[in-house]
């Protein structure tokens, strides 16, 4: 075997090793992408939580003012939809 053949074999061995290492990184990247996809699908499948702004506002305001104040006179609560969640 001549020196050229030995160098070719060494080069090919290095190429094979590099491809093995790169393949491992690609597998890890695929796993990360699949986990992200699964997480997003779970978020989509979860039910939207109905947000009762009047109750939430009352809870906040009641902690700020004494109970002798009529809280319903203070609150102005519009109905809006925010990113798929119905807000009263």
Protein backbone atom coordinates (compact mmCIF):
# COMPACT_ATOMS: atom_id res chain seq x y z
CA UNK A 1 0.00 0.00 0.00
CA UNK A 2 1.41 3.36 -0.92
CA UNK A 3 1.27 6.61 1.00
CA UNK A 4 -1.51 7.96 -1.19
CA UNK A 5 -3.77 5.04 -0.37
CA UNK A 6 -3.06 5.47 3.32
CA UNK A 7 -3.90 9.16 3.09
CA UNK A 8 -7.10 8.41 1.17
CA UNK A 9 -8.15 5.87 3.79
CA UNK A 10 -7.40 8.36 6.55
CA UNK A 11 -9.37 11.10 4.76
CA UNK A 12 -12.33 8.78 4.21
CA UNK A 13 -12.25 7.69 7.85
CA UNK A 14 -12.28 11.34 8.91
CA UNK A 15 -15.21 12.04 6.60
CA UNK A 16 -17.15 9.10 8.01
CA UNK A 17 -16.50 10.25 11.57
CA UNK A 18 -17.56 13.81 10.71
CA UNK A 19 -20.81 12.55 9.18
CA UNK A 20 -21.52 10.44 12.27
CA UNK A 21 -21.01 13.45 14.53
CA UNK A 22 -23.16 15.67 12.32
CA UNK A 23 -25.89 13.03 12.23
CA UNK A 24 -26.03 13.03 16.03
CA UNK A 25 -26.50 16.79 16.08
CA UNK A 26 -29.26 16.53 13.51
CA UNK A 27 -31.06 13.92 15.62
CA UNK A 28 -30.86 16.21 18.68
CA UNK A 29 -32.16 19.16 16.65
CA UNK A 30 -35.06 17.03 15.36
CA UNK A 31 -35.92 16.05 18.94
CA UNK A 32 -35.96 19.71 20.03
CA UNK A 33 -38.16 20.69 17.11
CA UNK A 34 -40.57 17.81 17.78
CA UNK A 35 -40.79 18.79 21.46
CA UNK A 36 -41.63 22.37 20.45
CA UNK A 37 -44.31 21.12 18.07
CA UNK A 38 -45.81 18.87 20.76
CA UNK A 39 -45.85 21.75 23.29
CA UNK A 40 -47.61 24.05 20.82
CA UNK A 41 -50.18 21.37 19.95
CA UNK A 42 -50.96 20.87 23.64
CA UNK A 43 -51.46 24.62 24.05
CA UNK A 44 -53.84 24.70 21.07
CA UNK A 45 -55.85 21.76 22.40
CA UNK A 46 -56.31 23.26 25.87
CA UNK A 47 -59.63 24.99 26.43
CA UNK A 48 -59.68 28.76 26.56
CA UNK A 49 -60.15 30.04 30.09
CA UNK A 50 -63.06 32.42 30.49
CA UNK A 51 -61.88 35.58 32.19
CA UNK A 52 -64.41 37.40 34.37
CA UNK A 53 -63.04 40.92 34.46
CA UNK A 54 -65.80 42.20 36.74
CA UNK A 55 -64.95 39.69 39.46
CA UNK A 56 -61.24 40.31 39.05
CA UNK A 57 -61.69 44.10 39.19
CA UNK A 58 -63.90 43.78 42.24
CA UNK A 59 -61.25 41.70 43.98
CA UNK A 60 -58.57 44.31 43.21
CA UNK A 61 -60.68 47.33 44.12
CA UNK A 62 -62.06 45.74 47.27
CA UNK A 63 -58.53 45.33 48.57
CA UNK A 64 -57.86 49.04 47.90
CA UNK A 65 -61.01 50.58 49.40
CA UNK A 66 -62.98 49.96 52.61
CA UNK A 67 -66.06 47.78 52.33
CA UNK A 68 -68.39 50.76 52.93
CA UNK A 69 -67.83 52.00 49.34
CA UNK A 70 -70.17 50.55 46.70
CA UNK A 71 -67.70 48.95 44.28
CA UNK A 72 -70.27 48.59 41.49
CA UNK A 73 -70.32 52.40 41.21
CA UNK A 74 -66.54 52.46 40.60
CA UNK A 75 -66.16 49.76 37.94
CA UNK A 76 -66.59 50.25 34.23
CA UNK A 77 -66.29 46.81 32.63
CA UNK A 78 -66.44 46.55 28.82
CA UNK A 79 -66.79 43.25 26.98
CA UNK A 80 -63.89 42.43 24.66
CA UNK A 81 -62.22 39.42 23.13
CA UNK A 82 -58.47 39.11 23.69
CA UNK A 83 -56.60 36.42 21.72
CA UNK A 84 -59.50 33.99 21.68
CA UNK A 85 -60.42 34.47 25.36
CA UNK A 86 -63.84 36.02 26.01
CA UNK A 87 -63.61 38.82 28.55
CA UNK A 88 -66.81 40.10 30.15
